[in-house]
Amino acid sequence: MLNKKTLCSSAAVVFAVVSVAAWMPRAADAQSIMPPELIQFVTPKDNPGTPEKIELGRKLFNDTRLSADDTVSCATCHDAAMGFTDRLATSKGIRDQFGRRNAPTVLNAMFLDSQFLDGRAATLEEQAKLPPVNPIEMGMKDGAAVVQKVAAIPEYREAFQKVFGRPVNYDDIGRAIAAFERTVVSGEAPIDRFVRGDAGALTPAQRRGWTLFNGKGRCNTCHGFNPTYPLFTDNQFHNVGTAADKSDFNDLAKRAESALQKGDMEEIDRMALETEFSELGRFLVTRNRFDIGAFKTNHLRDIVLTSPYMHDGSLPTLWDVIDHYNKGGEANPFLDGGIQRLGLTEAEIDDLVELLGALTSDQFAAEGRSELERQRQIAKTSRPERDTDAAMGRKGYLGDAVPVHGPKDPALIGGRPVAK
């Protein structure tokens, strides 16, 4: 049974690593807000994060030699200066090949129940071993080829012997990279000070946005905040209608079932990144029809930094994301039951976006302000997802009630009257 002394001791090691982590554009100026119990709980007993192992993982994470043509590293798609993403709609691998998925951030990945947008890997250790052997990501023939290449580098031969007490092997490469990735944790953000009682931590617009987030906007249905798990995600998979207008899900699912031969992670990985079956999301992993078109609920910490959005990077700005949900997504037979039109006004959409900006960690504050302003300028002239008539229930039929927000509407708590 875990005791408080054990938990605090374990957390102290992790926090010490985070405070001097080499991945930061500059040293973090705030301690991680993740509870020590949570950090200890998600760190595997068979892969503890020692300073030497973390440093080895950091080098591997940034080393392009793990790719077939020495041009791509993990950091290529997960750049620390871009919130550990690449700011591309879908990621680019060797020989300028593009996959079909947007790169999720590595920030806080250690706390997620599964890895990748479809959850095809259960752990960071498993996740770390797939990109090097994917043909359009890093392009190595197989794990043995990666081991041979890494083992030919004297620095790595010595480091693996020192850290693991054995020669280079593919499982240990995954363990080292995963140990480094567990140091990539968000620091404190304005929202954290606000929920602790500092009313001045948020601007009036952000406070109105917080009320909308937990009320009329229904964001907390999937992105709820809990002090013991403050990530703003339910760790579940949902079909929210993204790209539904481009796919016949029923036909795609039937053909995918025929195409899946082995059903192992490498086969699913290639289908997800290289083929039209990518749009099926979680279904490729479970083959459960309820999972067709479903993707993981991304956590919202530092969300401003990780544009563009959704599994296919199809939404350039946070205004586009809220517009998508405001109109009730894209109708399809597998649309999640929680998706419905919201009836948000333009002013309320602006307030929600401001609130999302308050989820940016202090160490990324300047980058967050710059990126939010960049998105704001785009949104002034381009809002392809905006459909006010659908959002307000003046057209279409989604099987839901037309939004009616009376005197008891939760948004009123934020001080902004609902437009008539």
Protein backbone atom coordinates (compact mmCIF):
# COMPACT_ATOMS: atom_id res chain seq x y z
CA MET A 1 0.00 0.00 0.00
CA LEU A 2 1.32 3.45 -0.91
CA ASN A 3 2.02 5.86 1.89
CA LYS A 4 2.38 9.63 1.86
CA LYS A 5 6.14 9.53 2.39
CA THR A 6 6.62 7.23 -0.61
CA LEU A 7 4.38 9.36 -2.81
CA CYS A 8 6.09 12.61 -1.92
CA SER A 9 9.54 11.10 -2.39
CA SER A 10 8.63 9.82 -5.84
CA ALA A 11 7.03 13.11 -6.83
CA ALA A 12 10.08 15.05 -5.66
CA VAL A 13 12.27 13.17 -8.13
CA VAL A 14 9.87 13.92 -10.98
CA PHE A 15 9.46 17.58 -10.01
CA ALA A 16 13.23 17.97 -9.78
CA VAL A 17 13.57 16.67 -13.31
CA VAL A 18 10.76 18.88 -14.61
CA SER A 19 12.23 22.04 -13.09
CA VAL A 20 15.45 21.69 -15.06
CA ALA A 21 14.12 19.81 -18.07
CA ALA A 22 16.19 20.41 -21.18
CA TRP A 23 13.13 20.34 -23.42
CA MET A 24 11.90 23.75 -22.31
CA PRO A 25 12.60 26.77 -24.52
CA ARG A 26 13.60 28.28 -21.19
CA ALA A 27 13.54 26.95 -17.64
CA ALA A 28 10.05 26.47 -16.26
CA ASP A 29 9.17 29.18 -13.77
CA ALA A 30 6.42 27.20 -12.06
CA GLN A 31 6.11 23.78 -10.53
CA SER A 32 3.90 21.24 -12.25
CA ILE A 33 0.33 21.41 -10.98
CA MET A 34 -0.17 17.66 -11.34
CA PRO A 35 -0.85 15.96 -7.99
CA PRO A 36 2.10 13.90 -6.71
CA GLU A 37 -0.17 10.86 -6.35
CA LEU A 38 -1.10 11.05 -10.02
CA ILE A 39 2.52 11.33 -11.15
CA GLN A 40 3.51 8.34 -9.05
CA PHE A 41 0.51 6.33 -10.20
CA VAL A 42 1.27 6.71 -13.93
CA THR A 43 5.01 5.99 -13.67
CA PRO A 44 5.54 2.26 -14.34
CA LYS A 45 7.36 0.39 -11.63
CA ASP A 46 9.44 -1.37 -14.28
CA ASN A 47 10.57 1.88 -15.90
CA PRO A 48 11.37 4.49 -13.22
CA GLY A 49 12.69 7.80 -14.48
CA THR A 50 16.30 8.23 -13.40
CA PRO A 51 18.24 11.33 -14.53
CA GLU A 52 20.57 9.18 -16.66
CA LYS A 53 17.68 7.38 -18.37
CA ILE A 54 15.80 10.63 -18.98
CA GLU A 55 18.89 12.21 -20.55
CA LEU A 56 19.34 9.17 -22.79
CA GLY A 57 15.69 9.41 -23.81
CA ARG A 58 16.03 13.12 -24.52
CA LYS A 59 18.92 12.46 -26.89
CA LEU A 60 17.05 9.70 -28.69
CA PHE A 61 13.92 11.87 -28.93
CA ASN A 62 15.90 14.58 -30.72
CA ASP A 63 18.15 12.33 -32.84
CA THR A 64 17.35 12.23 -36.57
CA ARG A 65 19.58 9.18 -36.92
CA LEU A 66 16.67 7.06 -35.75
CA SER A 67 15.12 7.62 -39.18
CA ALA A 68 16.04 5.85 -42.41
CA ASP A 69 17.51 8.93 -44.10
CA ASP A 70 18.71 10.82 -41.01
CA THR A 71 16.18 13.64 -41.50
CA VAL A 72 13.39 12.99 -38.99
CA SER A 73 13.35 12.64 -35.21
CA CYS A 74 10.53 12.44 -32.67
CA ALA A 75 11.08 16.17 -32.14
CA THR A 76 10.37 16.88 -35.81
CA CYS A 77 6.66 16.33 -35.20
CA HIS A 78 6.78 17.19 -31.50
CA ASP A 79 8.72 20.43 -31.36
CA ALA A 80 9.15 21.92 -27.88
CA ALA A 81 8.88 25.43 -29.32
CA MET A 82 5.43 24.62 -30.72
CA GLY A 83 3.84 23.01 -27.69
CA PHE A 84 5.35 19.65 -28.68
CA THR A 85 3.44 19.54 -31.96
CA ASP A 86 4.47 20.64 -35.48
CA ARG A 87 1.68 23.14 -36.32
CA LEU A 88 0.91 21.19 -39.50
CA ALA A 89 -2.50 19.80 -40.40
CA THR A 90 -0.96 16.34 -40.74
CA SER A 91 2.64 15.46 -39.97
CA LYS A 92 5.51 15.15 -42.45
CA GLY A 93 7.93 12.25 -42.35
CA ILE A 94 10.90 11.11 -44.41
CA ARG A 95 11.07 12.04 -48.09
CA ASP A 96 8.45 14.76 -47.50
CA GLN A 97 5.67 12.22 -47.07
CA PHE A 98 2.56 13.37 -45.21
CA GLY A 99 0.45 11.14 -43.02
CA ARG A 100 -3.29 11.49 -42.42
CA ARG A 101 -3.25 12.41 -38.72
CA ASN A 102 -2.48 15.58 -36.81
CA ALA A 103 0.38 15.19 -34.31
CA PRO A 104 -0.99 15.25 -30.74
CA THR A 105 1.12 17.06 -28.18
CA VAL A 106 3.51 15.13 -25.96
CA LEU A 107 2.73 17.57 -23.14
CA ASN A 108 1.07 15.60 -20.33
CA ALA A 109 0.89 12.44 -22.45
CA MET A 110 2.05 10.49 -19.41
CA PHE A 111 -1.34 11.05 -17.77
CA LEU A 112 -3.46 9.72 -20.63
CA ASP A 113 -5.03 6.27 -20.41
CA SER A 114 -3.80 5.39 -23.90
CA GLN A 115 -1.61 6.88 -26.61
CA PHE A 116 -2.30 8.12 -30.16
CA LEU A 117 -5.59 9.70 -31.18
CA ASP A 118 -7.18 6.27 -31.54
CA GLY A 119 -5.61 4.77 -28.42
CA ARG A 120 -3.82 2.01 -30.33
CA ALA A 121 -0.91 2.00 -27.86
CA ALA A 122 -1.55 1.43 -24.18
CA THR A 123 1.66 3.01 -22.89
CA LEU A 124 4.29 5.55 -23.81
CA GLU A 125 6.76 2.68 -24.10
CA GLU A 126 4.62 1.06 -26.81
CA GLN A 127 3.94 4.39 -28.51
CA ALA A 128 7.63 5.29 -28.76
CA LYS A 129 8.43 2.17 -30.79
CA LEU A 130 5.96 2.74 -33.64
CA PRO A 131 7.10 5.97 -35.43
CA PRO A 132 10.64 4.70 -36.20
CA VAL A 133 9.27 1.71 -38.12
CA ASN A 134 6.36 3.44 -39.85
CA PRO A 135 7.19 3.78 -43.58
CA ILE A 136 6.09 7.40 -43.90
CA GLU A 137 7.25 8.66 -40.50
CA MET A 138 10.83 7.59 -39.81
CA GLY A 139 10.95 4.73 -42.30
CA MET A 140 13.19 2.14 -40.63
CA LYS A 141 12.63 -1.43 -41.85
CA ASP A 142 11.97 -2.85 -38.39
CA GLY A 143 13.03 -2.63 -34.76
CA ALA A 144 16.15 -4.71 -35.42
CA ALA A 145 17.30 -2.16 -37.99
CA VAL A 146 16.84 0.64 -35.45
CA VAL A 147 18.84 -1.29 -32.86
CA GLN A 148 21.65 -1.97 -35.33
CA LYS A 149 21.89 1.71 -36.22
CA VAL A 150 21.80 2.96 -32.63
CA ALA A 151 24.24 0.30 -31.41
CA ALA A 152 26.76 1.43 -34.04
CA ILE A 153 27.08 4.78 -32.22
CA PRO A 154 29.64 4.47 -29.38
CA GLU A 155 27.93 7.11 -27.24
CA TYR A 156 24.70 5.12 -27.24
CA ARG A 157 26.39 1.75 -26.67
CA GLU A 158 27.97 3.11 -23.51
CA ALA A 159 24.82 4.89 -22.34
CA PHE A 160 22.57 1.83 -22.69
CA GLN A 161 25.06 -0.32 -20.83
CA LYS A 162 25.23 2.24 -18.03
CA VAL A 163 21.47 2.87 -17.78
CA PHE A 164 20.07 -0.62 -18.38
CA GLY A 165 23.09 -2.86 -17.75
CA ARG A 166 22.73 -4.56 -21.17
CA PRO A 167 23.33 -3.91 -24.87
CA VAL A 168 21.02 -1.76 -26.97
CA ASN A 169 17.64 -3.39 -27.68
CA TYR A 170 14.39 -2.03 -29.09
CA ASP A 171 12.36 -2.33 -25.90
CA ASP A 172 14.94 -0.27 -24.00
CA ILE A 173 14.91 2.38 -26.73
CA GLY A 174 11.17 2.68 -26.11
CA ARG A 175 11.71 2.77 -22.34
CA ALA A 176 14.28 5.56 -22.54
CA ILE A 177 12.17 7.75 -24.83
CA ALA A 178 9.11 7.16 -22.63
CA ALA A 179 11.08 8.14 -19.51
CA PHE A 180 11.97 11.45 -21.15
CA GLU A 181 8.40 12.03 -22.33
CA ARG A 182 7.20 11.68 -18.73
CA THR A 183 9.11 14.84 -17.86
CA VAL A 184 7.15 16.86 -20.43
CA VAL A 185 4.50 18.21 -18.08
CA SER A 186 2.54 21.47 -18.06
CA GLY A 187 3.23 23.99 -15.35
CA GLU A 188 0.76 26.23 -13.60
CA ALA A 189 -1.65 28.34 -15.66
CA PRO A 190 -3.97 31.24 -14.77
CA ILE A 191 -6.92 28.84 -14.56
CA ASP A 192 -5.21 27.00 -11.70
CA ARG A 193 -4.89 30.16 -9.63
CA PHE A 194 -8.49 31.03 -10.37
CA VAL A 195 -9.91 27.69 -9.17
CA ARG A 196 -7.85 28.06 -5.99
CA GLY A 197 -9.70 31.29 -5.25
CA ASP A 198 -7.74 34.07 -6.96
CA ALA A 199 -10.57 35.87 -8.78
CA GLY A 200 -8.08 38.28 -10.38
CA ALA A 201 -6.23 35.45 -12.16
CA LEU A 202 -8.72 35.62 -15.04
CA THR A 203 -9.90 38.61 -17.04
CA PRO A 204 -13.64 39.42 -17.10
CA ALA A 205 -13.90 37.80 -20.56
CA GLN A 206 -12.14 34.66 -19.31
CA ARG A 207 -14.44 34.47 -16.28
CA ARG A 208 -17.45 34.68 -18.57
CA GLY A 209 -15.84 31.98 -20.70
CA TRP A 210 -15.39 29.74 -17.65
CA THR A 211 -19.09 30.05 -16.89
CA LEU A 212 -19.94 29.18 -20.49
CA PHE A 213 -17.45 26.30 -20.44
CA ASN A 214 -19.29 24.74 -17.50
CA GLY A 215 -22.78 25.77 -18.61
CA LYS A 216 -24.25 26.75 -21.93
CA GLY A 217 -21.21 25.64 -23.96
CA ARG A 218 -21.31 22.14 -22.39
CA CYS A 219 -17.52 21.88 -22.83
CA ASN A 220 -17.12 20.21 -19.44
CA THR A 221 -19.14 17.23 -20.67
CA CYS A 222 -15.91 15.84 -22.13
CA HIS A 223 -13.33 18.36 -20.90
CA GLY A 224 -14.23 18.61 -17.23
CA PHE A 225 -11.75 19.88 -14.64
CA ASN A 226 -11.01 17.85 -11.54
CA PRO A 227 -8.36 18.95 -8.99
CA THR A 228 -7.05 15.39 -8.79
CA TYR A 229 -6.96 15.04 -12.59
CA PRO A 230 -6.65 18.60 -13.91
CA LEU A 231 -6.20 17.80 -17.60
CA PHE A 232 -9.59 18.77 -19.07
CA THR A 233 -10.23 15.41 -20.75
CA ASP A 234 -12.43 12.39 -20.07
CA ASN A 235 -9.88 10.07 -21.73
CA GLN A 236 -12.71 8.69 -23.86
CA PHE A 237 -13.30 8.45 -27.61
CA HIS A 238 -16.08 10.35 -29.37
CA ASN A 239 -17.38 10.84 -32.89
CA VAL A 240 -17.86 14.62 -32.97
CA GLY A 241 -18.57 14.81 -36.70
CA THR A 242 -15.16 15.97 -37.88
CA ALA A 243 -14.67 15.08 -41.57
CA ALA A 244 -17.99 13.19 -41.56
CA ASP A 245 -18.99 15.03 -44.70
CA LYS A 246 -16.02 13.49 -46.52
CA SER A 247 -16.58 9.84 -45.65
CA ASP A 248 -19.22 7.13 -46.04
CA PHE A 249 -18.50 5.58 -42.67
CA ASN A 250 -20.53 2.41 -43.25
CA ASP A 251 -18.79 1.57 -46.52
CA LEU A 252 -15.40 2.50 -45.10
CA ALA A 253 -15.89 0.26 -42.06
CA LYS A 254 -16.86 -2.74 -44.19
CA ARG A 255 -13.79 -2.36 -46.38
CA ALA A 256 -11.55 -1.84 -43.35
CA GLU A 257 -12.71 -5.08 -41.78
CA SER A 258 -11.68 -6.91 -44.94
CA ALA A 259 -8.35 -5.08 -45.12
CA LEU A 260 -7.34 -5.78 -41.53
CA GLN A 261 -5.40 -9.01 -41.65
CA LYS A 262 -3.27 -9.26 -38.51
CA GLY A 263 -4.87 -6.49 -36.48
CA ASP A 264 -1.61 -5.82 -34.62
CA MET A 265 -0.38 -2.36 -33.70
CA GLU A 266 1.97 -1.97 -36.66
CA GLU A 267 -0.76 -2.83 -39.17
CA ILE A 268 -3.24 -0.48 -37.48
CA ASP A 269 -0.54 2.18 -37.33
CA ARG A 270 -0.01 2.02 -41.09
CA MET A 271 -3.72 2.01 -41.90
CA ALA A 272 -4.24 4.99 -39.62
CA LEU A 273 -1.45 7.07 -41.13
CA GLU A 274 -1.37 5.97 -44.76
CA THR A 275 -4.90 5.11 -45.89
CA GLU A 276 -8.42 6.49 -46.15
CA PHE A 277 -9.33 4.20 -43.25
CA SER A 278 -7.73 6.79 -40.97
CA GLU A 279 -11.16 8.48 -40.68
CA LEU A 280 -12.54 5.44 -38.84
CA GLY A 281 -10.53 6.34 -35.74
CA ARG A 282 -10.98 4.06 -32.74
CA PHE A 283 -12.83 1.49 -34.87
CA LEU A 284 -9.52 0.32 -36.37
CA VAL A 285 -8.44 -0.72 -32.87
CA THR A 286 -11.65 -2.21 -31.46
CA ARG A 287 -13.66 -3.07 -34.62
CA ASN A 288 -16.67 -2.02 -32.56
CA ARG A 289 -19.19 -0.15 -34.71
CA PHE A 290 -19.89 2.24 -31.85
CA ASP A 291 -16.31 3.46 -32.28
CA ILE A 292 -16.61 4.41 -35.96
CA GLY A 293 -15.25 7.91 -36.47
CA ALA A 294 -14.41 8.26 -32.77
CA PHE A 295 -11.19 9.90 -31.61
CA LYS A 296 -9.71 10.62 -28.21
CA THR A 297 -10.78 13.71 -26.32
CA ASN A 298 -7.66 15.87 -26.42
CA HIS A 299 -6.72 17.48 -23.15
CA LEU A 300 -6.95 21.26 -23.19
CA ARG A 301 -3.85 22.38 -21.31
CA ASP A 302 -1.76 24.63 -23.57
CA ILE A 303 -4.37 24.07 -26.29
CA VAL A 304 -3.65 27.49 -27.83
CA LEU A 305 -0.16 26.28 -28.76
CA THR A 306 -1.21 23.14 -30.59
CA SER A 307 -3.08 24.40 -33.67
CA PRO A 308 -4.44 23.25 -36.09
CA TYR A 309 -7.09 21.14 -34.40
CA MET A 310 -8.95 17.82 -34.65
CA HIS A 311 -7.54 14.46 -35.73
CA ASP A 312 -6.97 15.63 -39.29
CA GLY A 313 -5.87 19.19 -38.50
CA SER A 314 -8.85 20.47 -40.48
CA LEU A 315 -9.72 23.34 -38.12
CA PRO A 316 -7.07 26.11 -38.13
CA THR A 317 -8.26 28.13 -35.13
CA LEU A 318 -10.06 27.78 -31.82
CA TRP A 319 -12.86 29.89 -33.30
CA ASP A 320 -13.30 27.16 -35.92
CA VAL A 321 -13.42 24.49 -33.22
CA ILE A 322 -16.15 26.27 -31.26
CA ASP A 323 -18.05 27.05 -34.47
CA HIS A 324 -17.99 23.31 -35.25
CA TYR A 325 -19.52 22.39 -31.90
CA ASN A 326 -21.88 25.36 -31.91
CA LYS A 327 -23.68 24.08 -35.02
CA GLY A 328 -23.84 20.53 -33.65
CA GLY A 329 -20.92 19.00 -35.54
CA GLU A 330 -21.50 17.17 -38.82
CA ALA A 331 -24.46 14.81 -38.84
CA ASN A 332 -23.56 11.14 -39.35
CA PRO A 333 -24.98 7.79 -38.14
CA PHE A 334 -22.30 7.49 -35.47
CA LEU A 335 -22.34 11.03 -34.07
CA ASP A 336 -21.85 11.03 -30.30
CA GLY A 337 -25.12 11.54 -28.45
CA GLY A 338 -23.64 14.41 -26.47
CA ILE A 339 -23.15 16.55 -29.57
CA GLN A 340 -25.92 19.10 -30.05
CA ARG A 341 -26.22 22.64 -31.29
CA LEU A 342 -25.35 25.18 -28.61
CA GLY A 343 -26.79 28.53 -29.65
CA LEU A 344 -23.68 30.50 -28.65
CA THR A 345 -23.54 34.13 -29.73
CA GLU A 346 -20.44 35.66 -31.33
CA ALA A 347 -19.58 37.42 -28.07
CA GLU A 348 -19.87 34.14 -26.17
CA ILE A 349 -17.63 32.35 -28.67
CA ASP A 350 -15.01 35.06 -28.15
CA ASP A 351 -15.27 34.63 -24.37
CA LEU A 352 -14.80 30.86 -24.63
CA VAL A 353 -11.68 31.30 -26.74
CA GLU A 354 -10.32 33.76 -24.17
CA LEU A 355 -10.93 31.18 -21.46
CA LEU A 356 -8.99 28.56 -23.42
CA GLY A 357 -6.10 31.01 -23.53
CA ALA A 358 -6.09 30.95 -19.71
CA LEU A 359 -5.18 27.26 -19.84
CA THR A 360 -1.72 28.15 -21.17
CA SER A 361 1.13 27.37 -18.77
CA ASP A 362 3.06 30.32 -17.38
CA GLN A 363 6.27 29.18 -19.06
CA PHE A 364 4.53 29.43 -22.44
CA ALA A 365 2.64 32.66 -21.70
CA ALA A 366 4.36 34.78 -24.35
CA GLU A 367 4.01 32.08 -27.01
CA GLY A 368 0.37 31.63 -26.07
CA ARG A 369 -0.46 35.32 -26.45
CA SER A 370 1.27 35.46 -29.81
CA GLU A 371 -0.45 32.36 -31.15
CA LEU A 372 -3.89 33.44 -29.92
CA GLU A 373 -3.47 36.79 -31.67
CA ARG A 374 -2.41 35.01 -34.87
CA GLN A 375 -5.56 32.89 -34.74
CA ARG A 376 -7.67 35.95 -33.97
CA GLN A 377 -6.50 37.66 -37.14
CA ILE A 378 -7.32 34.55 -39.20
CA ALA A 379 -10.77 34.31 -37.63
CA LYS A 380 -11.57 37.90 -38.59
CA THR A 381 -11.65 36.95 -42.27
CA SER A 382 -12.08 33.16 -42.33
CA ARG A 383 -14.70 31.21 -40.36
CA PRO A 384 -15.61 28.25 -42.62
CA GLU A 385 -17.31 26.31 -39.82
CA ARG A 386 -19.59 29.14 -38.73
CA ASP A 387 -23.29 28.42 -39.34
CA THR A 388 -25.30 30.73 -37.12
CA ASP A 389 -28.68 29.54 -38.39
CA ALA A 390 -27.84 25.93 -37.54
CA ALA A 391 -26.38 26.91 -34.16
CA MET A 392 -29.50 28.87 -33.24
CA GLY A 393 -31.87 26.16 -34.45
CA ARG A 394 -33.24 28.15 -37.35
CA LYS A 395 -32.43 25.42 -39.87
CA GLY A 396 -31.75 21.71 -40.04
CA TYR A 397 -32.91 18.94 -37.77
CA LEU A 398 -30.50 17.04 -35.57
CA GLY A 399 -33.02 15.34 -33.32
CA ASP A 400 -32.30 17.83 -30.58
CA ALA A 401 -34.29 20.68 -29.12
CA VAL A 402 -33.88 24.16 -30.52
CA PRO A 403 -31.58 26.04 -28.12
CA VAL A 404 -33.68 28.11 -25.72
CA HIS A 405 -31.83 30.04 -23.04
CA GLY A 406 -34.11 31.73 -20.58
CA PRO A 407 -33.51 33.77 -17.42
CA LYS A 408 -31.90 30.80 -15.67
CA ASP A 409 -29.34 30.28 -18.42
CA PRO A 410 -25.96 29.52 -16.75
CA ALA A 411 -24.18 32.00 -19.02
CA LEU A 412 -25.93 34.83 -17.21
CA ILE A 413 -23.84 34.07 -14.15
CA GLY A 414 -20.88 35.40 -16.10
CA GLY A 415 -22.57 38.78 -16.41
CA ARG A 416 -23.31 38.83 -20.15
CA PRO A 417 -26.99 38.95 -21.21
CA VAL A 418 -28.03 36.52 -23.91
CA ALA A 419 -28.68 38.20 -27.26
CA LYS A 420 -32.28 38.19 -28.40
